Protein backbone atom coordinates (compact mmCIF):
# COMPACT_ATOMS: atom_id res chain seq x y z
CA MET A 1 10.53 -3.18 16.57
CA GLY A 2 9.45 -6.53 15.52
CA TYR A 3 5.68 -7.71 15.11
CA SER A 4 3.94 -10.77 15.89
CA LEU A 5 2.99 -12.85 12.50
CA PRO A 6 -0.46 -14.33 14.13
CA ILE A 7 -1.37 -11.00 15.28
CA LEU A 8 -0.58 -9.48 11.39
CA VAL A 9 -2.70 -12.40 9.89
CA GLY A 10 -5.24 -12.12 12.51
CA CYS A 11 -5.70 -8.51 11.38
CA ILE A 12 -5.68 -9.14 7.88
CA ALA A 13 -8.34 -11.51 8.33
CA VAL A 14 -10.42 -9.13 10.19
CA THR A 15 -10.31 -6.61 7.22
CA PHE A 16 -11.49 -9.10 4.87
CA LEU A 17 -14.21 -10.27 7.55
CA SER A 18 -15.36 -6.98 8.02
CA CYS A 19 -16.02 -6.57 4.23
CA GLY A 20 -18.13 -9.50 4.09
CA GLU A 21 -21.79 -8.94 3.75
CA ASN A 22 -22.76 -12.34 3.15
CA LEU A 23 -22.03 -15.79 3.44
CA ARG A 24 -20.25 -16.10 0.12
CA GLN A 25 -17.97 -13.03 1.31
CA THR A 26 -17.45 -14.68 4.60
CA GLN A 27 -16.52 -18.11 2.57
CA GLU A 28 -13.71 -16.05 0.30
CA ALA A 29 -12.34 -14.26 3.75
CA ALA A 30 -11.76 -17.94 5.16
CA LYS A 31 -10.10 -18.97 1.92
CA ALA A 32 -7.74 -16.01 2.04
CA LEU A 33 -6.98 -16.39 6.01
CA SER A 34 -6.07 -20.25 4.67
CA THR A 35 -3.61 -19.02 2.32
CA MET A 36 -1.96 -16.59 4.68
CA ALA A 37 -1.41 -19.65 7.11
CA GLU A 38 0.22 -21.39 4.28
CA HIS A 39 2.35 -18.45 3.55
CA ALA A 40 3.63 -18.08 7.34
CA PRO A 41 7.30 -19.24 6.50
CA LYS A 42 7.42 -16.59 3.83
CA MET A 43 6.09 -13.92 5.93
CA GLU A 44 8.77 -14.60 8.62
CA ALA A 45 11.52 -14.62 6.30
CA LEU A 46 9.84 -11.40 4.87
CA GLN A 47 10.05 -9.79 8.19
CA LYS A 48 13.86 -10.37 8.79
CA GLN A 49 14.20 -8.96 5.61
CA ILE A 50 12.52 -5.69 6.28
CA GLU A 51 13.68 -5.66 9.71
CA GLN A 52 17.62 -5.81 7.94
CA ARG A 53 16.56 -2.88 5.69
CA GLN A 54 15.66 -1.07 8.57
CA ALA A 55 18.87 -1.90 10.56
CA GLU A 56 20.91 -0.94 7.27
CA ARG A 57 19.32 2.69 7.13
CA ARG A 58 19.87 3.07 10.81
CA ALA A 59 23.44 2.25 10.41
CA LYS A 60 23.54 5.06 7.79
CA GLY A 61 21.98 7.76 10.10
CA ASP A 62 18.58 7.49 8.18
CA THR A 63 16.54 6.81 11.48
CA THR A 64 13.41 9.25 10.86
CA ALA A 65 10.61 9.61 8.27
CA MET A 66 11.16 11.95 5.37
CA HIS A 67 9.77 15.25 5.90
CA TYR A 68 6.14 15.44 4.21
CA GLU A 69 7.66 18.44 1.97
CA LYS A 70 10.30 16.07 0.73
CA LEU A 71 7.77 13.31 0.06
CA LEU A 72 5.64 15.22 -2.01
CA GLU A 73 7.96 15.61 -4.41
CA TYR A 74 7.74 12.07 -5.33
CA ILE A 75 4.14 12.81 -6.12
CA PRO A 76 3.77 14.91 -9.43
CA SER A 77 1.40 17.54 -10.24
CA SER A 78 -0.17 16.07 -13.41
CA VAL A 79 -0.17 12.17 -14.43
CA ASN A 80 -1.82 10.60 -17.48
CA GLY A 81 -4.54 12.89 -18.35
CA PHE A 82 -5.24 14.34 -14.41
CA SER A 83 -4.11 17.60 -13.24
CA SER A 84 -3.84 18.46 -9.40
CA VAL A 85 -6.70 20.40 -7.85
CA GLY A 86 -6.45 22.10 -4.40
CA GLU A 87 -3.44 22.63 -2.52
CA PRO A 88 -1.34 19.27 -1.34
CA GLU A 89 -1.93 17.76 2.11
CA GLY A 90 0.99 16.61 4.25
CA SER A 91 2.09 15.81 7.84
CA THR A 92 5.24 14.85 9.29
CA SER A 93 4.89 13.40 13.20
CA THR A 94 7.47 12.36 15.69
CA MET A 95 7.07 11.16 19.26
CA GLY A 96 10.14 9.67 20.86
CA ASP A 97 11.30 6.96 18.52
CA PHE A 98 8.25 7.01 16.52
CA SER A 99 8.09 8.86 13.11
CA LEU A 100 5.56 9.15 10.52
CA SER A 101 5.00 11.24 7.13
CA THR A 102 2.04 11.36 4.95
CA ALA A 103 1.95 13.23 1.66
CA LYS A 104 -1.49 13.24 -0.59
CA ARG A 105 -2.60 14.99 -3.99
CA THR A 106 -5.97 15.04 -5.50
CA TYR A 107 -6.59 15.39 -9.15
CA GLN A 108 -9.25 15.88 -11.35
CA GLY A 109 -9.30 14.11 -15.03
CA SER A 110 -10.79 15.50 -18.17
CA ASP A 111 -13.38 12.68 -18.21
CA GLY A 112 -14.74 13.84 -14.51
CA ALA A 113 -12.95 11.06 -12.96
CA GLU A 114 -11.10 11.62 -9.53
CA LEU A 115 -7.64 10.55 -8.91
CA THR A 116 -5.88 10.46 -5.40
CA ILE A 117 -2.14 9.52 -4.76
CA GLU A 118 -0.96 9.06 -0.91
CA LEU A 119 2.54 8.34 0.15
CA VAL A 120 3.46 7.27 3.54
CA ASP A 121 7.19 6.83 5.16
CA TYR A 122 6.94 4.21 7.86
CA ASN A 123 11.05 4.78 8.34
CA ALA A 124 11.82 3.16 11.89
CA ASN A 125 8.13 1.90 11.98
CA ALA A 126 7.93 -1.86 10.66
CA ALA A 127 5.17 -2.85 12.94
CA ALA A 128 3.10 -0.12 11.76
CA LEU A 129 3.64 -0.90 8.15
CA ALA A 130 3.17 -4.46 8.84
CA LEU A 131 -0.40 -3.90 9.96
CA ALA A 132 -1.10 -1.19 7.48
CA GLY A 133 -0.07 -3.36 4.34
CA MET A 134 1.70 -6.72 4.49
CA GLY A 135 -1.09 -8.38 3.00
CA VAL A 136 0.25 -7.46 -0.23
CA PHE A 137 2.91 -10.02 -0.19
CA LEU A 138 0.53 -12.55 0.03
CA ASN A 139 -0.82 -14.78 -2.91
CA VAL A 140 -4.79 -13.55 -2.41
CA SER A 141 -7.27 -12.81 -5.04
CA VAL A 142 -11.10 -12.27 -4.86
CA ASP A 143 -13.55 -12.17 -7.80
CA ASN A 144 -17.22 -11.74 -6.75
CA PRO A 145 -20.13 -9.36 -8.37
CA GLU A 146 -18.58 -6.49 -6.00
CA GLU A 147 -15.00 -6.57 -6.27
CA ARG A 148 -12.08 -8.02 -8.49
CA SER A 149 -8.88 -7.96 -6.40
CA ARG A 150 -5.60 -9.48 -6.39
CA THR A 151 -1.78 -8.96 -4.84
CA PHE A 152 0.90 -8.96 -7.61
CA ASP A 153 4.62 -8.91 -7.77
CA PRO A 154 5.75 -5.18 -8.81
CA GLN A 155 9.41 -6.79 -9.47
CA LEU A 156 11.00 -4.00 -7.03
CA PRO A 157 13.08 -4.84 -3.89
CA THR A 158 11.27 -5.74 -0.54
CA SER A 159 8.07 -4.52 -2.25
CA GLY A 160 4.60 -6.30 -2.97
CA ALA A 161 1.05 -4.75 -4.46
CA TRP A 162 -2.57 -5.07 -4.59
CA GLU A 163 -4.97 -4.10 -6.93
CA SER A 164 -8.63 -3.77 -6.62
CA LEU A 165 -11.78 -2.78 -9.04
CA LYS A 166 -15.08 -1.92 -7.17
CA LYS A 167 -17.21 -3.33 -9.89
CA ARG A 168 -20.53 -1.53 -8.85
CA SER A 169 -19.23 2.10 -7.92
CA HIS A 170 -16.31 1.68 -10.73
CA ILE A 171 -13.36 2.75 -8.13
CA ALA A 172 -10.14 1.49 -8.79
CA GLU A 173 -7.30 1.40 -6.17
CA VAL A 174 -3.76 -0.24 -6.40
CA THR A 175 -1.55 -0.06 -3.40
CA TYR A 176 2.33 -0.72 -3.21
CA VAL A 177 4.37 -1.51 -0.16
CA LEU A 178 8.06 -0.19 -1.29
CA GLY A 179 11.23 -1.04 0.15
CA GLY A 180 9.79 -2.48 3.57
CA ARG A 181 9.38 1.28 4.21
CA PHE A 182 6.89 3.15 1.97
CA LEU A 183 3.22 2.69 1.63
CA LEU A 184 1.66 4.19 -1.99
CA HIS A 185 -2.03 4.26 -2.20
CA ILE A 186 -3.65 5.43 -5.78
CA THR A 187 -7.69 5.62 -6.28
CA ALA A 188 -9.54 6.38 -9.15
CA THR A 189 -13.42 6.97 -9.64
CA LYS A 190 -15.12 6.03 -13.06
CA GLN A 191 -12.96 3.12 -13.81
CA GLU A 192 -13.78 -0.28 -15.72
CA SER A 193 -10.19 -1.96 -14.30
CA THR A 194 -7.25 -1.15 -12.54
CA ASP A 195 -5.08 -0.25 -15.69
CA ARG A 196 -5.20 3.08 -15.33
CA VAL A 197 -4.31 3.44 -11.88
CA LYS A 198 -1.34 0.79 -12.26
CA ALA A 199 0.01 3.12 -15.22
CA ILE A 200 -0.09 6.28 -13.18
CA ALA A 201 1.91 4.39 -10.47
CA GLN A 202 4.85 3.58 -13.17
CA GLN A 203 4.91 7.23 -13.58
CA LEU A 204 6.23 7.57 -10.17
CA ASN A 205 9.94 6.73 -9.22
CA LEU A 206 8.76 3.45 -7.64
CA ARG A 207 12.24 1.70 -7.74
CA ALA A 208 13.69 4.85 -6.08
CA LEU A 209 11.66 4.60 -3.27
CA ALA A 210 11.90 0.98 -2.88
CA SER A 211 15.89 1.33 -2.82
CA MET A 212 15.83 3.80 -0.10
């Protein structure tokens, strides 16, 4: 099932605008929306590329989301100075043609920082993935006293990424859309930049996920 680009752009715009607490942030949201409109042809081409990848998987019989236990195998128990705490979380939901799996681990660092890694499989749900993370494919950046964020190219097939640092709360985040199928979200506290969360992402098998 395809998705409407105007609806997609509108949803992303609402996300930006909902974060605006003053005129400056609202102006930044408007600028981001303008950028999205400029990239409409690119987004349309990307939509077709993702749908083609989806069709190729279906032709091979890969029509549902990976079971969450399998998904958890892509999230290691320890990463870059963090050790997992508690039990990993996960679920797989199927209803008719709809299928979605999520897997999540929580970690504690030796410096007291907290880390979460969450991986979602949107196989067969291109529209849901579009609403969740297609903004990572746009050329967008934000820098203000509260936040410094930007999109970047992870150099992987049909993939895009977004990094964000909340300056006051020192929370770093990175989000990847991988292969037009998976959404990876990594968050860490007590950070001064996004370098650490991006390095942790590289410890995961991103290329394998992007190639599925």
